[in-house]
C-alpha cells in the first residue's frame, strides 16, 4: 500500500491514512485494501471526532467508489472534518460493507476502532 504514516489492520481490511489541514478543517485521506473476501460491496468509512475531554464532535462519511472491491484490490477514501484536529483528540473509525466469496449472498459487516491524534 501507499507509504502513509498511520495504519490499521484487521482480518478483513487494512487502512492507511494521513491527516492534512485545510484552513480550520482537517482531511483524513488514505487507502484501504480488501484482504479477506472475493469482493466487498457498499464500503462506507465513517469518522467521528472526540476531543481530549471525551466530548463528541463532527461525524462524517466516505462512500467508496468503485462499488465493488475485489480481494487484494485497493481503494481511496477521503473524509473532510470541520474541526481542526489537535494532539490528544480521538478519531473513531467505523467501516461497513457486504463481503462475499461468491454465490453466498454475502455478509454485512461493521467494525470500529479508535485512533488518537499524535
PDB file of N, CA and C in Angstrom:
ATOM      1  N   UNK A   1       0.848  -1.185   0.000  1.00  0.00           N
ATOM      2  CA  UNK A   1       0.000   0.000   0.000  1.00  0.00           C
ATOM      3  C   UNK A   1       0.888   1.241   0.000  1.00  0.00           C
ATOM      4  N   UNK A   2       0.275   2.329  -0.311  1.00  0.00           N
ATOM      5  CA  UNK A   2       0.985   3.609  -0.384  1.00  0.00           C
ATOM      6  C   UNK A   2       1.643   3.911   0.965  1.00  0.00           C
ATOM      7  N   UNK A   3       2.774   4.565   0.934  1.00  0.00           N
ATOM      8  CA  UNK A   3       3.512   4.908   2.147  1.00  0.00           C
ATOM      9  C   UNK A   3       2.829   6.066   2.868  1.00  0.00           C
ATOM     10  N   UNK A   4       1.910   5.745   3.768  1.00  0.00           N
ATOM     11  CA  UNK A   4       1.202   6.741   4.572  1.00  0.00           C
ATOM     12  C   UNK A   4       1.552   6.510   6.034  1.00  0.00           C
ATOM     13  N   UNK A   5       1.531   7.553   6.867  1.00  0.00           N
ATOM     14  CA  UNK A   5       2.075   7.429   8.212  1.00  0.00           C
ATOM     15  C   UNK A   5       1.245   6.625   9.216  1.00  0.00           C
ATOM     16  N   UNK A   6      -0.060   6.491   9.020  1.00  0.00           N
ATOM     17  CA  UNK A   6      -0.907   5.830  10.018  1.00  0.00           C
ATOM     18  C   UNK A   6      -1.570   4.609   9.408  1.00  0.00           C
ATOM     19  N   UNK A   7      -1.696   3.538  10.227  1.00  0.00           N
ATOM     20  CA  UNK A   7      -2.191   2.265   9.697  1.00  0.00           C
ATOM     21  C   UNK A   7      -3.095   1.545  10.701  1.00  0.00           C
ATOM     22  N   UNK A   8      -3.971   0.735  10.111  1.00  0.00           N
ATOM     23  CA  UNK A   8      -4.843  -0.159  10.870  1.00  0.00           C
ATOM     24  C   UNK A   8      -4.958  -1.446  10.058  1.00  0.00           C
ATOM     25  N   UNK A   9      -4.882  -2.589  10.704  1.00  0.00           N
ATOM     26  CA  UNK A   9      -5.019  -3.865  10.009  1.00  0.00           C
ATOM     27  C   UNK A   9      -5.894  -4.799  10.823  1.00  0.00           C
ATOM     28  N   UNK A  10      -6.802  -5.458  10.131  1.00  0.00           N
ATOM     29  CA  UNK A  10      -7.708  -6.424  10.730  1.00  0.00           C
ATOM     30  C   UNK A  10      -7.803  -7.598   9.757  1.00  0.00           C
ATOM     31  N   UNK A  11      -8.531  -8.646  10.117  1.00  0.00           N
ATOM     32  CA  UNK A  11      -8.616  -9.837   9.279  1.00  0.00           C
ATOM     33  C   UNK A  11      -9.215  -9.589   7.894  1.00  0.00           C
ATOM     34  N   UNK A  12      -9.977  -8.514   7.769  1.00  0.00           N
ATOM     35  CA  UNK A  12     -10.729  -8.285   6.537  1.00  0.00           C
ATOM     36  C   UNK A  12     -10.261  -7.084   5.721  1.00  0.00           C
ATOM     37  N   UNK A  13      -9.711  -6.107   6.384  1.00  0.00           N
ATOM     38  CA  UNK A  13      -9.430  -4.830   5.741  1.00  0.00           C
ATOM     39  C   UNK A  13      -8.201  -4.190   6.368  1.00  0.00           C
ATOM     40  N   UNK A  14      -7.381  -3.571   5.541  1.00  0.00           N
ATOM     41  CA  UNK A  14      -6.299  -2.739   6.057  1.00  0.00           C
ATOM     42  C   UNK A  14      -6.541  -1.314   5.572  1.00  0.00           C
ATOM     43  N   UNK A  15      -6.185  -0.362   6.410  1.00  0.00           N
ATOM     44  CA  UNK A  15      -6.309   1.052   6.080  1.00  0.00           C
ATOM     45  C   UNK A  15      -4.986   1.742   6.363  1.00  0.00           C
ATOM     46  N   UNK A  16      -4.661   2.718   5.541  1.00  0.00           N
ATOM     47  CA  UNK A  16      -3.506   3.594   5.779  1.00  0.00           C
ATOM     48  C   UNK A  16      -3.980   5.002   5.448  1.00  0.00           C
ATOM     49  N   UNK A  17      -3.545   6.004   6.245  1.00  0.00           N
ATOM     50  CA  UNK A  17      -4.039   7.358   6.037  1.00  0.00           C
ATOM     51  C   UNK A  17      -3.066   8.402   6.536  1.00  0.00           C
ATOM     52  N   UNK A  18      -3.359   9.618   6.137  1.00  0.00           N
ATOM     53  CA  UNK A  18      -2.663  10.793   6.635  1.00  0.00           C
ATOM     54  C   UNK A  18      -3.715  11.833   6.974  1.00  0.00           C
ATOM     55  N   UNK A  19      -3.311  12.821   7.734  1.00  0.00           N
ATOM     56  CA  UNK A  19      -4.198  13.933   8.083  1.00  0.00           C
ATOM     57  C   UNK A  19      -3.552  15.209   7.579  1.00  0.00           C
ATOM     58  N   UNK A  20      -4.325  15.994   6.856  1.00  0.00           N
ATOM     59  CA  UNK A  20      -3.824  17.304   6.437  1.00  0.00           C
ATOM     60  C   UNK A  20      -4.859  18.353   6.810  1.00  0.00           C
ATOM     61  N   UNK A  21      -4.379  19.570   6.970  1.00  0.00           N
ATOM     62  CA  UNK A  21      -5.253  20.666   7.393  1.00  0.00           C
ATOM     63  C   UNK A  21      -5.566  21.577   6.217  1.00  0.00           C
ATOM     64  N   UNK A  22      -6.799  21.997   6.134  1.00  0.00           N
ATOM     65  CA  UNK A  22      -7.260  22.956   5.130  1.00  0.00           C
ATOM     66  C   UNK A  22      -7.997  24.055   5.885  1.00  0.00           C
ATOM     67  N   UNK A  23      -7.317  25.155   6.132  1.00  0.00           N
ATOM     68  CA  UNK A  23      -7.934  26.220   6.922  1.00  0.00           C
ATOM     69  C   UNK A  23      -8.243  25.715   8.317  1.00  0.00           C
ATOM     70  N   UNK A  24      -9.489  25.865   8.757  1.00  0.00           N
ATOM     71  CA  UNK A  24      -9.895  25.391  10.080  1.00  0.00           C
ATOM     72  C   UNK A  24     -10.383  23.960  10.081  1.00  0.00           C
ATOM     73  N   UNK A  25     -10.321  23.292   8.935  1.00  0.00           N
ATOM     74  CA  UNK A  25     -10.803  21.918   8.825  1.00  0.00           C
ATOM     75  C   UNK A  25      -9.637  20.945   8.700  1.00  0.00           C
ATOM     76  N   UNK A  26      -9.954  19.655   8.806  1.00  0.00           N
ATOM     77  CA  UNK A  26      -8.966  18.594   8.632  1.00  0.00           C
ATOM     78  C   UNK A  26      -9.500  17.571   7.649  1.00  0.00           C
ATOM     79  N   UNK A  27      -8.603  17.005   6.860  1.00  0.00           N
ATOM     80  CA  UNK A  27      -8.974  15.967   5.900  1.00  0.00           C
ATOM     81  C   UNK A  27      -8.196  14.706   6.246  1.00  0.00           C
ATOM     82  N   UNK A  28      -8.929  13.606   6.418  1.00  0.00           N
ATOM     83  CA  UNK A  28      -8.326  12.294   6.607  1.00  0.00           C
ATOM     84  C   UNK A  28      -8.417  11.616   5.242  1.00  0.00           C
ATOM     85  N   UNK A  29      -7.235  11.358   4.666  1.00  0.00           N
ATOM     86  CA  UNK A  29      -7.193  10.834   3.301  1.00  0.00           C
ATOM     87  C   UNK A  29      -6.297   9.611   3.278  1.00  0.00           C
ATOM     88  N   UNK A  30      -6.753   8.561   2.598  1.00  0.00           N
ATOM     89  CA  UNK A  30      -5.931   7.363   2.571  1.00  0.00           C
ATOM     90  C   UNK A  30      -6.414   6.328   1.598  1.00  0.00           C
ATOM     91  N   UNK A  31      -5.960   5.104   1.839  1.00  0.00           N
ATOM     92  CA  UNK A  31      -6.334   3.962   1.018  1.00  0.00           C
ATOM     93  C   UNK A  31      -6.699   2.789   1.923  1.00  0.00           C
ATOM     94  N   UNK A  32      -7.570   1.942   1.402  1.00  0.00           N
ATOM     95  CA  UNK A  32      -7.929   0.705   2.071  1.00  0.00           C
ATOM     96  C   UNK A  32      -7.648  -0.455   1.150  1.00  0.00           C
ATOM     97  N   UNK A  33      -7.591  -1.657   1.714  1.00  0.00           N
ATOM     98  CA  UNK A  33      -7.400  -2.852   0.904  1.00  0.00           C
ATOM     99  C   UNK A  33      -8.266  -3.982   1.460  1.00  0.00           C
ATOM    100  N   UNK A  34      -8.995  -4.633   0.575  1.00  0.00           N
ATOM    101  CA  UNK A  34      -9.771  -5.822   0.911  1.00  0.00           C
ATOM    102  C   UNK A  34      -8.793  -6.990   1.001  1.00  0.00           C
ATOM    103  N   UNK A  35      -8.602  -7.537   2.193  1.00  0.00           N
ATOM    104  CA  UNK A  35      -7.653  -8.646   2.360  1.00  0.00           C
ATOM    105  C   UNK A  35      -8.337  -9.976   2.699  1.00  0.00           C
ATOM    106  N   UNK A  36      -9.679  -9.997   2.668  1.00  0.00           N
ATOM    107  CA  UNK A  36     -10.383 -11.214   3.095  1.00  0.00           C
ATOM    108  C   UNK A  36     -11.332 -11.822   2.053  1.00  0.00           C
ATOM    109  N   UNK A  37     -12.186 -11.013   1.471  1.00  0.00           N
ATOM    110  CA  UNK A  37     -13.282 -11.538   0.655  1.00  0.00           C
ATOM    111  C   UNK A  37     -12.964 -11.512  -0.842  1.00  0.00           C
ATOM    112  N   UNK A  38     -13.629 -12.397  -1.606  1.00  0.00           N
ATOM    113  CA  UNK A  38     -13.507 -12.369  -3.064  1.00  0.00           C
ATOM    114  C   UNK A  38     -13.892 -10.977  -3.558  1.00  0.00           C
ATOM    115  N   UNK A  39     -14.906 -10.381  -2.924  1.00  0.00           N
ATOM    116  CA  UNK A  39     -15.231  -8.983  -3.188  1.00  0.00           C
ATOM    117  C   UNK A  39     -16.010  -8.377  -2.031  1.00  0.00           C
ATOM    118  N   UNK A  40     -15.864  -7.083  -1.876  1.00  0.00           N
ATOM    119  CA  UNK A  40     -16.625  -6.280  -0.925  1.00  0.00           C
ATOM    120  C   UNK A  40     -17.445  -5.292  -1.728  1.00  0.00           C
ATOM    121  N   UNK A  41     -18.661  -5.038  -1.266  1.00  0.00           N
ATOM    122  CA  UNK A  41     -19.526  -4.062  -1.919  1.00  0.00           C
ATOM    123  C   UNK A  41     -20.051  -3.076  -0.882  1.00  0.00           C
ATOM    124  N   UNK A  42     -20.380  -1.883  -1.354  1.00  0.00           N
ATOM    125  CA  UNK A  42     -21.013  -0.893  -0.488  1.00  0.00           C
ATOM    126  C   UNK A  42     -20.157  -0.471   0.697  1.00  0.00           C
ATOM    127  N   UNK A  43     -18.877  -0.300   0.488  1.00  0.00           N
ATOM    128  CA  UNK A  43     -17.978   0.070   1.594  1.00  0.00           C
ATOM    129  C   UNK A  43     -18.249   1.512   2.019  1.00  0.00           C
ATOM    130  N   UNK A  44     -18.428   1.685   3.318  1.00  0.00           N
ATOM    131  CA  UNK A  44     -18.578   3.009   3.922  1.00  0.00           C
ATOM    132  C   UNK A  44     -17.524   3.160   5.003  1.00  0.00           C
ATOM    133  N   UNK A  45     -16.893   4.331   5.064  1.00  0.00           N
ATOM    134  CA  UNK A  45     -15.950   4.632   6.146  1.00  0.00           C
ATOM    135  C   UNK A  45     -16.459   5.889   6.842  1.00  0.00           C
ATOM    136  N   UNK A  46     -16.791   5.752   8.116  1.00  0.00           N
ATOM    137  CA  UNK A  46     -17.285   6.862   8.937  1.00  0.00           C
ATOM    138  C   UNK A  46     -16.197   7.253   9.918  1.00  0.00           C
ATOM    139  N   UNK A  47     -16.024   8.554  10.129  1.00  0.00           N
ATOM    140  CA  UNK A  47     -15.043   9.032  11.117  1.00  0.00           C
ATOM    141  C   UNK A  47     -15.732  10.056  12.002  1.00  0.00           C
ATOM    142  N   UNK A  48     -15.634   9.835  13.310  1.00  0.00           N
ATOM    143  CA  UNK A  48     -16.183  10.760  14.304  1.00  0.00           C
ATOM    144  C   UNK A  48     -15.039  11.322  15.138  1.00  0.00           C
ATOM    145  N   UNK A  49     -15.139  12.599  15.471  1.00  0.00           N
ATOM    146  CA  UNK A  49     -14.118  13.274  16.275  1.00  0.00           C
ATOM    147  C   UNK A  49     -14.569  13.290  17.741  1.00  0.00           C
ATOM    148  N   UNK A  50     -13.638  12.932  18.634  1.00  0.00           N
ATOM    149  CA  UNK A  50     -13.877  13.027  20.072  1.00  0.00           C
ATOM    150  C   UNK A  50     -12.727  13.840  20.645  1.00  0.00           C
ATOM    151  N   UNK A  51     -13.044  14.944  21.335  1.00  0.00           N
ATOM    152  CA  UNK A  51     -11.958  15.788  21.852  1.00  0.00           C
ATOM    153  C   UNK A  51     -11.294  15.153  23.069  1.00  0.00           C
ATOM    154  N   UNK A  52     -10.229  15.764  23.549  1.00  0.00           N
ATOM    155  CA  UNK A  52      -9.439  15.212  24.655  1.00  0.00           C
ATOM    156  C   UNK A  52     -10.261  15.054  25.930  1.00  0.00           C
ATOM    157  N   UNK A  53     -11.358  15.829  26.064  1.00  0.00           N
ATOM    158  CA  UNK A  53     -12.230  15.742  27.242  1.00  0.00           C
ATOM    159  C   UNK A  53     -13.320  14.679  27.070  1.00  0.00           C
ATOM    160  N   UNK A  54     -13.354  14.018  25.897  1.00  0.00           N
ATOM    161  CA  UNK A  54     -14.339  12.978  25.654  1.00  0.00           C
ATOM    162  C   UNK A  54     -15.629  13.458  25.006  1.00  0.00           C
ATOM    163  N   UNK A  55     -15.675  14.728  24.617  1.00  0.00           N
ATOM    164  CA  UNK A  55     -16.880  15.289  24.004  1.00  0.00           C
ATOM    165  C   UNK A  55     -16.914  14.952  22.508  1.00  0.00           C
ATOM    166  N   UNK A  56     -18.049  14.390  22.064  1.00  0.00           N
ATOM    167  CA  UNK A  56     -18.196  14.026  20.649  1.00  0.00           C
ATOM    168  C   UNK A  56     -18.363  15.272  19.795  1.00  0.00           C
ATOM    169  N   UNK A  57     -17.723  15.241  18.631  1.00  0.00           N
ATOM    170  CA  UNK A  57     -17.809  16.340  17.677  1.00  0.00           C
ATOM    171  C   UNK A  57     -18.409  15.860  16.375  1.00  0.00           C
ATOM    172  N   UNK A  58     -17.876  16.327  15.275  1.00  0.00           N
ATOM    173  CA  UNK A  58     -18.390  16.006  13.942  1.00  0.00           C
ATOM    174  C   UNK A  58     -18.249  14.523  13.635  1.00  0.00           C
ATOM    175  N   UNK A  59     -19.170  14.037  12.782  1.00  0.00           N
ATOM    176  CA  UNK A  59     -19.123  12.662  12.272  1.00  0.00           C
ATOM    177  C   UNK A  59     -19.433  12.736  10.780  1.00  0.00           C
ATOM    178  N   UNK A  60     -18.481  12.297   9.953  1.00  0.00           N
ATOM    179  CA  UNK A  60     -18.622  12.382   8.500  1.00  0.00           C
ATOM    180  C   UNK A  60     -18.307  11.019   7.881  1.00  0.00           C
ATOM    181  N   UNK A  61     -18.737  10.842   6.622  1.00  0.00           N
ATOM    182  CA  UNK A  61     -18.569   9.548   5.965  1.00  0.00           C
ATOM    183  C   UNK A  61     -18.002   9.682   4.564  1.00  0.00           C
ATOM    184  N   UNK A  62     -17.432   8.580   4.101  1.00  0.00           N
ATOM    185  CA  UNK A  62     -16.997   8.420   2.718  1.00  0.00           C
ATOM    186  C   UNK A  62     -17.656   7.148   2.205  1.00  0.00           C
ATOM    187  N   UNK A  63     -18.333   7.253   1.075  1.00  0.00           N
ATOM    188  CA  UNK A  63     -18.932   6.102   0.423  1.00  0.00           C
ATOM    189  C   UNK A  63     -18.013   5.726  -0.736  1.00  0.00           C
ATOM    190  N   UNK A  64     -17.391   4.582  -0.624  1.00  0.00           N
ATOM    191  CA  UNK A  64     -16.304   4.194  -1.522  1.00  0.00           C
ATOM    192  C   UNK A  64     -16.809   3.883  -2.938  1.00  0.00           C
ATOM    193  N   UNK A  65     -16.125   4.457  -3.896  1.00  0.00           N
ATOM    194  CA  UNK A  65     -16.313   4.156  -5.315  1.00  0.00           C
ATOM    195  C   UNK A  65     -14.961   3.594  -5.777  1.00  0.00           C
ATOM    196  N   UNK A  66     -14.841   2.449  -6.400  1.00  0.00           N
ATOM    197  CA  UNK A  66     -15.896   1.700  -7.068  1.00  0.00           C
ATOM    198  C   UNK A  66     -16.784   0.949  -6.084  1.00  0.00           C
ATOM    199  N   UNK A  67     -17.956   0.622  -6.519  1.00  0.00           N
ATOM    200  CA  UNK A  67     -18.940  -0.053  -5.678  1.00  0.00           C
ATOM    201  C   UNK A  67     -18.430  -1.413  -5.219  1.00  0.00           C
ATOM    202  N   UNK A  68     -17.727  -2.141  -6.084  1.00  0.00           N
ATOM    203  CA  UNK A  68     -17.224  -3.466  -5.744  1.00  0.00           C
ATOM    204  C   UNK A  68     -15.697  -3.454  -5.737  1.00  0.00           C
ATOM    205  N   UNK A  69     -15.108  -3.969  -4.643  1.00  0.00           N
ATOM    206  CA  UNK A  69     -13.654  -4.029  -4.499  1.00  0.00           C
ATOM    207  C   UNK A  69     -13.257  -5.500  -4.345  1.00  0.00           C
ATOM    208  N   UNK A  70     -12.450  -6.000  -5.269  1.00  0.00           N
ATOM    209  CA  UNK A  70     -12.022  -7.397  -5.240  1.00  0.00           C
ATOM    210  C   UNK A  70     -10.917  -7.609  -4.203  1.00  0.00           C
ATOM    211  N   UNK A  71     -10.703  -8.869  -3.834  1.00  0.00           N
ATOM    212  CA  UNK A  71      -9.661  -9.212  -2.862  1.00  0.00           C
ATOM    213  C   UNK A  71      -8.304  -8.706  -3.344  1.00  0.00           C
ATOM    214  N   UNK A  72      -7.536  -8.150  -2.421  1.00  0.00           N
ATOM    215  CA  UNK A  72      -6.203  -7.583  -2.641  1.00  0.00           C
ATOM    216  C   UNK A  72      -6.214  -6.311  -3.484  1.00  0.00           C
ATOM    217  N   UNK A  73      -7.395  -5.786  -3.773  1.00  0.00           N
ATOM    218  CA  UNK A  73      -7.520  -4.526  -4.507  1.00  0.00           C
ATOM    219  C   UNK A  73      -7.598  -3.375  -3.505  1.00  0.00           C
ATOM    220  N   UNK A  74      -6.985  -2.247  -3.868  1.00  0.00           N
ATOM    221  CA  UNK A  74      -7.029  -1.067  -3.001  1.00  0.00           C
ATOM    222  C   UNK A  74      -8.075  -0.082  -3.507  1.00  0.00           C
ATOM    223  N   UNK A  75      -8.470   0.804  -2.603  1.00  0.00           N
ATOM    224  CA  UNK A  75      -9.430   1.853  -2.928  1.00  0.00           C
ATOM    225  C   UNK A  75      -9.087   3.100  -2.114  1.00  0.00           C
ATOM    226  N   UNK A  76      -9.324   4.285  -2.675  1.00  0.00           N
ATOM    227  CA  UNK A  76      -9.062   5.523  -1.943  1.00  0.00           C
ATOM    228  C   UNK A  76     -10.265   5.910  -1.075  1.00  0.00           C
ATOM    229  N   UNK A  77      -9.983   6.657  -0.004  1.00  0.00           N
ATOM    230  CA  UNK A  77     -11.057   7.265   0.782  1.00  0.00           C
ATOM    231  C   UNK A  77     -10.600   8.640   1.260  1.00  0.00           C
ATOM    232  N   UNK A  78     -11.564   9.505   1.498  1.00  0.00           N
ATOM    233  CA  UNK A  78     -11.276  10.854   1.978  1.00  0.00           C
ATOM    234  C   UNK A  78     -12.474  11.347   2.787  1.00  0.00           C
ATOM    235  N   UNK A  79     -12.200  11.844   3.987  1.00  0.00           N
ATOM    236  CA  UNK A  79     -13.248  12.369   4.855  1.00  0.00           C
ATOM    237  C   UNK A  79     -12.799  13.745   5.339  1.00  0.00           C
ATOM    238  N   UNK A  80     -13.612  14.752   5.049  1.00  0.00           N
ATOM    239  CA  UNK A  80     -13.302  16.113   5.495  1.00  0.00           C
ATOM    240  C   UNK A  80     -14.079  16.405   6.773  1.00  0.00           C
ATOM    241  N   UNK A  81     -13.334  16.728   7.816  1.00  0.00           N
ATOM    242  CA  UNK A  81     -13.923  17.038   9.118  1.00  0.00           C
ATOM    243  C   UNK A  81     -13.870  18.541   9.359  1.00  0.00           C
ATOM    244  N   UNK A  82     -14.945  19.124   9.865  1.00  0.00           N
ATOM    245  CA  UNK A  82     -14.964  20.578  10.051  1.00  0.00           C
ATOM    246  C   UNK A  82     -14.052  21.067  11.180  1.00  0.00           C
ATOM    247  N   UNK A  83     -13.583  20.159  12.021  1.00  0.00           N
ATOM    248  CA  UNK A  83     -12.724  20.520  13.150  1.00  0.00           C
ATOM    249  C   UNK A  83     -11.256  20.428  12.763  1.00  0.00           C
ATOM    250  N   UNK A  84     -10.452  21.306  13.297  1.00  0.00           N
ATOM    251  CA  UNK A  84      -9.005  21.180  13.128  1.00  0.00           C
ATOM    252  C   UNK A  84      -8.525  20.204  14.199  1.00  0.00           C
ATOM    253  N   UNK A  85      -7.976  19.091  13.764  1.00  0.00           N
ATOM    254  CA  UNK A  85      -7.544  18.064  14.706  1.00  0.00           C
ATOM    255  C   UNK A  85      -6.301  18.508  15.454  1.00  0.00           C
ATOM    256  N   UNK A  86      -6.296  18.201  16.747  1.00  0.00           N
ATOM    257  CA  UNK A  86      -5.171  18.540  17.605  1.00  0.00           C
ATOM    258  C   UNK A  86      -4.724  17.308  18.363  1.00  0.00           C
ATOM    259  N   UNK A  87      -3.492  17.351  18.837  1.00  0.00           N
ATOM    260  CA  UNK A  87      -2.918  16.249  19.601  1.00  0.00           C
ATOM    261  C   UNK A  87      -3.841  15.882  20.757  1.00  0.00           C
ATOM    262  N   UNK A  88      -4.056  14.585  20.968  1.00  0.00           N
ATOM    263  CA  UNK A  88      -4.881  14.098  22.063  1.00  0.00           C
ATOM    264  C   UNK A  88      -6.331  13.844  21.678  1.00  0.00           C
ATOM    265  N   UNK A  89      -6.781  14.404  20.557  1.00  0.00           N
ATOM    266  CA  UNK A  89      -8.136  14.101  20.092  1.00  0.00           C
ATOM    267  C   UNK A  89      -8.170  12.656  19.608  1.00  0.00           C
ATOM    268  N   UNK A  90      -9.347  12.071  19.625  1.00  0.00           N
ATOM    269  CA  UNK A  90      -9.526  10.704  19.157  1.00  0.00           C
ATOM    270  C   UNK A  90     -10.424  10.710  17.935  1.00  0.00           C
ATOM    271  N   UNK A  91     -10.063   9.908  16.956  1.00  0.00           N
ATOM    272  CA  UNK A  91     -10.938   9.661  15.822  1.00  0.00           C
ATOM    273  C   UNK A  91     -11.495   8.254  15.984  1.00  0.00           C
ATOM    274  N   UNK A  92     -12.811   8.123  15.906  1.00  0.00           N
ATOM    275  CA  UNK A  92     -13.452   6.818  15.935  1.00  0.00           C
ATOM    276  C   UNK A  92     -13.790   6.460  14.492  1.00  0.00           C
ATOM    277  N   UNK A  93     -13.070   5.497  13.948  1.00  0.00           N
ATOM    278  CA  UNK A  93     -13.309   4.999  12.602  1.00  0.00           C
ATOM    279  C   UNK A  93     -14.336   3.859  12.683  1.00  0.00           C
ATOM    280  N   UNK A  94     -15.306   3.872  11.803  1.00  0.00           N
ATOM    281  CA  UNK A  94     -16.253   2.765  11.660  1.00  0.00           C
ATOM    282  C   UNK A  94     -16.335   2.442  10.177  1.00  0.00           C
ATOM    283  N   UNK A  95     -16.174   1.181   9.845  1.00  0.00           N
ATOM    284  CA  UNK A  95     -16.335   0.805   8.446  1.00  0.00           C
ATOM    285  C   UNK A  95     -17.396  -0.278   8.332  1.00  0.00           C
ATOM    286  N   UNK A  96     -18.127  -0.220   7.208  1.00  0.00           N
ATOM    287  CA  UNK A  96     -19.213  -1.157   6.924  1.00  0.00           C
ATOM    288  C   UNK A  96     -19.067  -1.636   5.485  1.00  0.00           C
ATOM    289  N   UNK A  97     -19.518  -2.848   5.225  1.00  0.00           N
ATOM    290  CA  UNK A  97     -19.504  -3.381   3.867  1.00  0.00           C
ATOM    291  C   UNK A  97     -20.310  -4.670   3.821  1.00  0.00           C
ATOM    292  N   UNK A  98     -20.515  -5.190   2.609  1.00  0.00           N
ATOM    293  CA  UNK A  98     -21.037  -6.525   2.388  1.00  0.00           C
ATOM    294  C   UNK A  98     -19.901  -7.298   1.731  1.00  0.00           C
ATOM    295  N   UNK A  99     -19.438  -8.352   2.386  1.00  0.00           N
ATOM    296  CA  UNK A  99     -18.339  -9.154   1.860  1.00  0.00           C
ATOM    297  C   UNK A  99     -18.835 -10.499   1.392  1.00  0.00           C
ATOM    298  N   UNK A 100     -18.296 -10.978   0.267  1.00  0.00           N
ATOM    299  CA  UNK A 100     -18.749 -12.250  -0.283  1.00  0.00           C
ATOM    300  C   UNK A 100     -17.587 -13.010  -0.920  1.00  0.00           C
ATOM    301  N   UNK A 101     -17.657 -14.334  -0.812  1.00  0.00           N
ATOM    302  CA  UNK A 101     -16.714 -15.204  -1.510  1.00  0.00           C
ATOM    303  C   UNK A 101     -17.327 -15.730  -2.803  1.00  0.00           C
ATOM    304  N   UNK A 102     -18.492 -15.176  -3.174  1.00  0.00           N
ATOM    305  CA  UNK A 102     -19.155 -15.527  -4.428  1.00  0.00           C
ATOM    306  C   UNK A 102     -20.228 -16.572  -4.232  1.00  0.00           C
ATOM    307  N   UNK A 103     -21.447 -16.244  -4.665  1.00  0.00           N
ATOM    308  CA  UNK A 103     -22.541 -17.202  -4.620  1.00  0.00           C
ATOM    309  C   UNK A 103     -23.162 -17.435  -3.260  1.00  0.00           C
ATOM    310  N   UNK A 104     -22.671 -16.756  -2.238  1.00  0.00           N
ATOM    311  CA  UNK A 104     -23.187 -16.987  -0.886  1.00  0.00           C
ATOM    312  C   UNK A 104     -24.117 -15.891  -0.391  1.00  0.00           C
ATOM    313  N   UNK A 105     -24.421 -14.900  -1.221  1.00  0.00           N
ATOM    314  CA  UNK A 105     -25.286 -13.805  -0.803  1.00  0.00           C
ATOM    315  C   UNK A 105     -24.573 -12.751   0.011  1.00  0.00           C
ATOM    316  N   UNK A 106     -23.386 -13.055   0.452  1.00  0.00           N
ATOM    317  CA  UNK A 106     -22.595 -12.065   1.188  1.00  0.00           C
ATOM    318  C   UNK A 106     -22.954 -11.966   2.654  1.00  0.00           C
ATOM    319  N   UNK A 107     -22.162 -11.188   3.352  1.00  0.00           N
ATOM    320  CA  UNK A 107     -22.342 -10.969   4.779  1.00  0.00           C
ATOM    321  C   UNK A 107     -22.129  -9.495   5.062  1.00  0.00           C
ATOM    322  N   UNK A 108     -23.077  -8.875   5.736  1.00  0.00           N
ATOM    323  CA  UNK A 108     -22.902  -7.486   6.156  1.00  0.00           C
ATOM    324  C   UNK A 108     -22.008  -7.461   7.378  1.00  0.00           C
ATOM    325  N   UNK A 109     -21.060  -6.543   7.387  1.00  0.00           N
ATOM    326  CA  UNK A 109     -20.098  -6.466   8.493  1.00  0.00           C
ATOM    327  C   UNK A 109     -19.852  -5.008   8.850  1.00  0.00           C
ATOM    328  N   UNK A 110     -19.632  -4.765  10.132  1.00  0.00           N
ATOM    329  CA  UNK A 110     -19.287  -3.434  10.620  1.00  0.00           C
ATOM    330  C   UNK A 110     -18.238  -3.597  11.707  1.00  0.00           C
ATOM    331  N   UNK A 111     -17.228  -2.736  11.698  1.00  0.00           N
ATOM    332  CA  UNK A 111     -16.129  -2.781  12.652  1.00  0.00           C
ATOM    333  C   UNK A 111     -15.744  -1.368  13.023  1.00  0.00           C
ATOM    334  N   UNK A 112     -15.325  -1.144  14.254  1.00  0.00           N
ATOM    335  CA  UNK A 112     -14.878   0.179  14.703  1.00  0.00           C
ATOM    336  C   UNK A 112     -13.539   0.086  15.395  1.00  0.00           C
ATOM    337  N   UNK A 113     -12.799   1.169  15.351  1.00  0.00           N
ATOM    338  CA  UNK A 113     -11.570   1.286  16.128  1.00  0.00           C
ATOM    339  C   UNK A 113     -11.303   2.765  16.400  1.00  0.00           C
ATOM    340  N   UNK A 114     -10.551   3.021  17.450  1.00  0.00           N
ATOM    341  CA  UNK A 114     -10.189   4.390  17.833  1.00  0.00           C
ATOM    342  C   UNK A 114      -8.729   4.642  17.503  1.00  0.00           C
ATOM    343  N   UNK A 115      -8.446   5.878  17.140  1.00  0.00           N
ATOM    344  CA  UNK A 115      -7.075   6.313  16.858  1.00  0.00           C
ATOM    345  C   UNK A 115      -6.883   7.679  17.486  1.00  0.00           C
ATOM    346  N   UNK A 116      -5.834   7.831  18.283  1.00  0.00           N
ATOM    347  CA  UNK A 116      -5.535   9.090  18.953  1.00  0.00           C
ATOM    348  C   UNK A 116      -4.560   9.903  18.108  1.00  0.00           C
ATOM    349  N   UNK A 117      -4.908  11.160  17.866  1.00  0.00           N
ATOM    350  CA  UNK A 117      -4.056  12.041  17.081  1.00  0.00           C
ATOM    351  C   UNK A 117      -2.750  12.269  17.839  1.00  0.00           C
ATOM    352  N   UNK A 118      -1.605  11.954  17.210  1.00  0.00           N
ATOM    353  CA  UNK A 118      -0.320  12.102  17.917  1.00  0.00           C
ATOM    354  C   UNK A 118       0.087  13.567  18.082  1.00  0.00           C
TER     355      UNK A 118
END
